Amino acid sequence: MKNFIYGLLLLCGISSGAFTQVQVGVWTDKSTYDYGDTIAIHITAYNPTKYPMVLDFGSACQASYRIDTFNWIMNVQCAAVLTSAVVPPFQSISWDYLEYPMYGSPILGAGVHNVVGEVLGYDVSQPVQIVVSPVTSVSDEDPSIPESQLGNNYPNPFNGTTIIPYSVSRPGHIKIGIYDALGRVVHLLMDEYSQAGEYALNVNLDAQPSGVYWCRFQHEDKVQTIRLLLTK
C-alpha cells in the first residue's frame, strides 16, 4: 500500500511577505518491498493559501530524504539545485521518484524502515513506514502469468477527461481511486471484484481544480500509482 504523509514548513509569501505554512509531503510507491527492490520516493510541497509562494533554495538541495535517522547521511538524496521555485495558490510542486539505493548505498535489510522527506532541510513531521520482506529461495508465483498493471493515462497533461488503462492478471478484488495532493480521495473509480482482462477507464475531473493528482491501483498485494496533471 502506498504511503503518504504531510508536514509543515514555514516559507515566505510573495504578496504579504509574512510567514505562512507550506505543507510538505513524502510518498513511497508502495509500502512493502522484496529484499533488493528499488524504492521510489517522491516529495511534494503544497501551497494551501491564495497567494503564490516562493521557495528560495539558493545553493541548497531542494528535496531530500532519509531512511532510518540513525544512518541519514548515507541515505540522503539531493534533487537538482535551483535558485527558487514558485508554488501557485492551492497547487503543489513535486520531486518525483527519487530512488534508493543510490551511490553504492547498502540494500535495506528485512524489517520495518522509516522514510522522512525534507525540503530545504526541514523534516516532515512524521515518517512513512515501509516493510522489506525477507529473502525467499522459492517463488510461489507462476512466471507464465503476467502481473496486473496500471498503464499511463492519456492524454497527460489533460483538460477535464483522460483515459486510464489497466490489466488484471487473474480474477480478484480491484480498487482504483484518484487522490489529490493532500492524499484525499476525490474520485473512487472502482472497488469491486473483477475478472482477468484488459480494461480502460474514462475519468472525468472537470469538477476538480488544476493541479497534480495521483491514481492508485490495487489488486491483491499489487499496488501501483501514476501521476496525473490536470490543466484548465
Protein backbone atom coordinates (compact mmCIF):
# COMPACT_ATOMS: atom_id res chain seq x y z
CA MET A 1 0.00 0.00 0.00
CA LYS A 2 1.31 3.41 -0.92
CA ASN A 3 2.25 5.73 1.91
CA PHE A 4 1.67 9.48 2.03
CA ILE A 5 2.23 11.98 4.82
CA TYR A 6 2.44 15.74 5.20
CA GLY A 7 4.37 18.05 7.49
CA LEU A 8 4.56 21.84 7.75
CA LEU A 9 7.33 24.15 6.52
CA LEU A 10 7.47 27.93 7.08
CA LEU A 11 8.15 29.85 3.88
CA CYS A 12 7.61 33.42 2.70
CA GLY A 13 4.62 34.53 0.60
CA ILE A 14 5.00 36.82 -2.40
CA SER A 15 2.11 39.13 -1.67
CA SER A 16 2.43 39.93 2.03
CA GLY A 17 6.00 38.99 2.93
CA ALA A 18 4.62 37.30 6.06
CA PHE A 19 5.46 33.76 7.02
CA THR A 20 2.86 31.17 6.16
CA GLN A 21 2.61 27.40 6.22
CA VAL A 22 3.55 25.35 3.17
CA GLN A 23 2.74 21.66 3.51
CA VAL A 24 5.49 19.18 2.69
CA GLY A 25 4.58 15.60 1.87
CA VAL A 26 6.51 12.38 1.25
CA TRP A 27 5.31 9.35 -0.73
CA THR A 28 6.66 5.89 -1.44
CA ASP A 29 5.39 3.94 -4.44
CA LYS A 30 4.27 1.09 -2.18
CA SER A 31 4.56 0.05 1.45
CA THR A 32 6.02 -3.48 1.13
CA TYR A 33 9.13 -4.39 -0.88
CA ASP A 34 11.01 -7.55 -1.63
CA TYR A 35 14.63 -7.66 -0.49
CA GLY A 36 16.79 -5.80 -3.04
CA ASP A 37 13.92 -3.83 -4.62
CA THR A 38 14.44 -0.22 -5.66
CA ILE A 39 12.36 2.13 -3.51
CA ALA A 40 10.78 5.04 -5.41
CA ILE A 41 10.26 8.10 -3.21
CA HIS A 42 8.79 11.47 -4.07
CA ILE A 43 8.28 14.68 -2.12
CA THR A 44 5.60 17.34 -2.57
CA ALA A 45 5.35 20.97 -1.41
CA TYR A 46 1.72 22.18 -1.35
CA ASN A 47 0.61 25.82 -1.05
CA PRO A 48 -2.71 25.99 0.89
CA THR A 49 -3.03 29.78 0.57
CA LYS A 50 -4.48 32.12 -2.08
CA TYR A 51 -1.07 33.69 -2.74
CA PRO A 52 1.84 32.33 -4.82
CA MET A 53 4.67 31.11 -2.61
CA VAL A 54 8.40 31.35 -3.36
CA LEU A 55 10.73 28.56 -2.27
CA ASP A 56 14.19 30.16 -2.25
CA PHE A 57 16.69 27.32 -2.41
CA GLY A 58 19.89 29.26 -3.06
CA SER A 59 22.66 26.70 -3.27
CA ALA A 60 20.90 24.16 -1.03
CA CYS A 61 19.29 20.90 -2.03
CA GLN A 62 15.65 21.31 -2.95
CA ALA A 63 14.36 17.99 -1.69
CA SER A 64 15.94 15.06 0.07
CA TYR A 65 15.01 12.00 2.09
CA ARG A 66 16.36 9.86 4.89
CA ILE A 67 15.79 6.19 5.55
CA ASP A 68 16.21 5.46 9.26
CA THR A 69 17.52 8.51 11.12
CA PHE A 70 20.48 6.65 12.60
CA ASN A 71 22.04 6.41 9.13
CA TRP A 72 20.70 9.52 7.44
CA ILE A 73 23.93 10.78 5.85
CA MET A 74 24.30 7.69 3.67
CA ASN A 75 20.62 7.81 2.72
CA VAL A 76 20.25 11.44 1.69
CA GLN A 77 19.22 12.24 -1.89
CA CYS A 78 19.59 15.74 -3.39
CA ALA A 79 17.32 16.88 -6.20
CA ALA A 80 18.56 19.41 -8.76
CA VAL A 81 19.65 22.76 -7.33
CA LEU A 82 17.76 25.89 -8.42
CA THR A 83 17.75 29.43 -7.02
CA SER A 84 13.98 29.43 -6.43
CA ALA A 85 10.66 27.86 -7.34
CA VAL A 86 7.12 29.24 -7.22
CA VAL A 87 4.21 27.21 -5.84
CA PRO A 88 0.90 28.55 -7.25
CA PRO A 89 -2.09 29.03 -4.91
CA PHE A 90 -3.74 25.75 -3.88
CA GLN A 91 -1.31 23.77 -6.01
CA SER A 92 1.87 21.80 -5.44
CA ILE A 93 5.27 21.12 -6.93
CA SER A 94 6.90 17.75 -6.60
CA TRP A 95 10.20 15.94 -6.82
CA ASP A 96 9.27 12.61 -8.34
CA TYR A 97 10.82 9.21 -7.99
CA LEU A 98 13.99 9.82 -6.06
CA GLU A 99 15.38 6.32 -5.64
CA TYR A 100 17.06 4.16 -3.05
CA PRO A 101 19.61 2.56 -3.06
CA MET A 102 21.89 5.21 -4.54
CA TYR A 103 25.62 5.80 -4.91
CA GLY A 104 26.61 2.41 -3.52
CA SER A 105 24.23 2.56 -0.54
CA PRO A 106 23.63 -0.82 1.11
CA ILE A 107 20.50 -2.83 0.39
CA LEU A 108 17.94 -2.43 3.17
CA GLY A 109 17.62 -5.44 5.41
CA ALA A 110 14.34 -7.18 6.14
CA GLY A 111 12.09 -5.38 8.60
CA VAL A 112 10.41 -2.01 9.12
CA HIS A 113 12.17 1.20 7.98
CA ASN A 114 11.24 4.88 8.37
CA VAL A 115 11.36 7.26 5.39
CA VAL A 116 11.50 11.01 6.09
CA GLY A 117 11.15 13.66 3.39
CA GLU A 118 12.74 17.10 3.53
CA VAL A 119 12.52 20.41 1.67
CA LEU A 120 15.24 22.98 2.41
CA GLY A 121 16.49 20.73 5.19
CA TYR A 122 13.22 20.75 7.17
CA ASP A 123 11.94 17.31 8.18
CA VAL A 124 8.42 16.15 7.50
CA SER A 125 6.71 15.93 10.90
CA GLN A 126 6.28 12.13 10.88
CA PRO A 127 7.99 9.35 8.92
CA VAL A 128 6.40 6.98 6.45
CA GLN A 129 6.98 3.32 7.26
CA ILE A 130 7.96 0.70 4.69
CA VAL A 131 8.46 -3.02 5.14
CA VAL A 132 11.17 -5.09 3.43
CA SER A 133 10.29 -8.78 3.16
CA PRO A 134 12.84 -11.49 3.97
CA VAL A 135 14.72 -13.22 1.16
CA THR A 136 12.91 -16.29 -0.19
CA SER A 137 14.51 -19.03 -2.25
CA VAL A 138 11.36 -20.38 -3.89
CA SER A 139 8.72 -18.24 -5.58
CA ASP A 140 5.07 -19.20 -5.30
CA GLU A 141 4.19 -17.09 -8.33
CA ASP A 142 3.71 -18.66 -11.73
CA PRO A 143 6.16 -16.76 -14.01
CA SER A 144 3.96 -17.53 -17.03
CA ILE A 145 1.16 -15.30 -15.64
CA PRO A 146 1.84 -11.57 -16.22
CA GLU A 147 1.34 -9.20 -13.31
CA SER A 148 -1.61 -6.86 -13.07
CA GLN A 149 -0.60 -3.42 -14.28
CA LEU A 150 -1.80 0.18 -14.22
CA GLY A 151 -0.91 1.87 -17.50
CA ASN A 152 -0.07 5.53 -18.07
CA ASN A 153 -3.11 7.72 -18.66
CA TYR A 154 -3.59 9.52 -21.96
CA PRO A 155 -3.61 12.34 -22.64
CA ASN A 156 -1.40 13.63 -19.83
CA PRO A 157 -1.50 16.55 -19.13
CA PHE A 158 -5.25 16.67 -19.76
CA ASN A 159 -8.13 19.13 -19.61
CA GLY A 160 -11.07 17.55 -17.84
CA THR A 161 -11.06 13.95 -19.09
CA THR A 162 -8.41 11.28 -19.54
CA ILE A 163 -8.26 7.51 -20.14
CA ILE A 164 -6.53 5.20 -17.66
CA PRO A 165 -5.75 1.67 -18.93
CA TYR A 166 -5.12 -1.27 -16.63
CA SER A 167 -4.81 -5.04 -16.79
CA VAL A 168 -5.91 -7.74 -14.34
CA SER A 169 -3.79 -10.91 -14.36
CA ARG A 170 -6.29 -13.12 -12.54
CA PRO A 171 -9.76 -12.67 -11.01
CA GLY A 172 -9.76 -10.73 -7.76
CA HIS A 173 -10.76 -7.55 -5.97
CA ILE A 174 -9.74 -4.32 -7.72
CA LYS A 175 -9.64 -0.87 -6.14
CA ILE A 176 -8.79 2.22 -8.20
CA GLY A 177 -9.01 5.78 -6.87
CA ILE A 178 -7.92 9.32 -7.70
CA TYR A 179 -6.21 11.29 -4.91
CA ASP A 180 -5.34 14.97 -4.62
CA ALA A 181 -2.04 16.46 -3.40
CA LEU A 182 -3.19 16.08 0.22
CA GLY A 183 -3.84 12.36 -0.18
CA ARG A 184 -7.63 12.77 -0.12
CA VAL A 185 -9.84 10.62 -2.35
CA VAL A 186 -11.51 12.82 -4.96
CA HIS A 187 -12.88 10.03 -7.18
CA LEU A 188 -13.26 6.33 -6.31
CA LEU A 189 -13.29 4.72 -9.75
CA MET A 190 -13.61 1.07 -8.78
CA ASP A 191 -13.88 -1.07 -5.64
CA GLU A 192 -15.19 -4.48 -6.67
CA TYR A 193 -14.41 -7.97 -7.88
CA SER A 194 -13.10 -8.19 -11.47
CA GLN A 195 -12.35 -10.91 -13.96
CA ALA A 196 -8.93 -11.10 -15.64
CA GLY A 197 -8.52 -8.98 -18.75
CA GLU A 198 -7.52 -5.65 -20.29
CA TYR A 199 -9.59 -2.61 -19.31
CA ALA A 200 -9.69 1.18 -19.61
CA LEU A 201 -11.46 3.83 -17.52
CA ASN A 202 -12.68 7.16 -18.86
CA VAL A 203 -12.03 9.58 -15.98
CA ASN A 204 -13.68 12.99 -15.72
CA LEU A 205 -12.13 15.55 -13.34
CA ASP A 206 -13.97 18.63 -14.64
CA ALA A 207 -15.14 19.41 -11.10
CA GLN A 208 -11.59 19.50 -9.71
CA PRO A 209 -9.13 22.43 -9.81
CA SER A 210 -5.97 22.29 -11.91
CA GLY A 211 -3.04 20.52 -10.28
CA VAL A 212 -1.29 17.22 -9.67
CA TYR A 213 -3.38 14.15 -8.86
CA TRP A 214 -2.47 10.52 -8.25
CA CYS A 215 -4.21 7.37 -9.45
CA ARG A 216 -3.75 4.40 -7.11
CA PHE A 217 -4.37 0.85 -8.35
CA GLN A 218 -4.59 -2.17 -6.05
CA HIS A 219 -5.08 -5.83 -6.93
CA GLU A 220 -4.38 -8.22 -4.05
CA ASP A 221 -0.80 -7.36 -2.91
CA LYS A 222 -0.04 -5.41 -6.08
CA VAL A 223 -0.16 -1.62 -5.57
CA GLN A 224 0.79 0.89 -8.25
CA THR A 225 0.38 4.65 -8.71
CA ILE A 226 0.67 7.07 -11.61
CA ARG A 227 0.86 10.86 -11.65
CA LEU A 228 -1.89 12.84 -13.39
CA LEU A 229 -1.60 16.51 -14.37
CA LEU A 230 -4.92 18.36 -14.77
CA THR A 231 -4.64 21.70 -16.60
CA LYS A 232 -7.53 24.05 -17.37
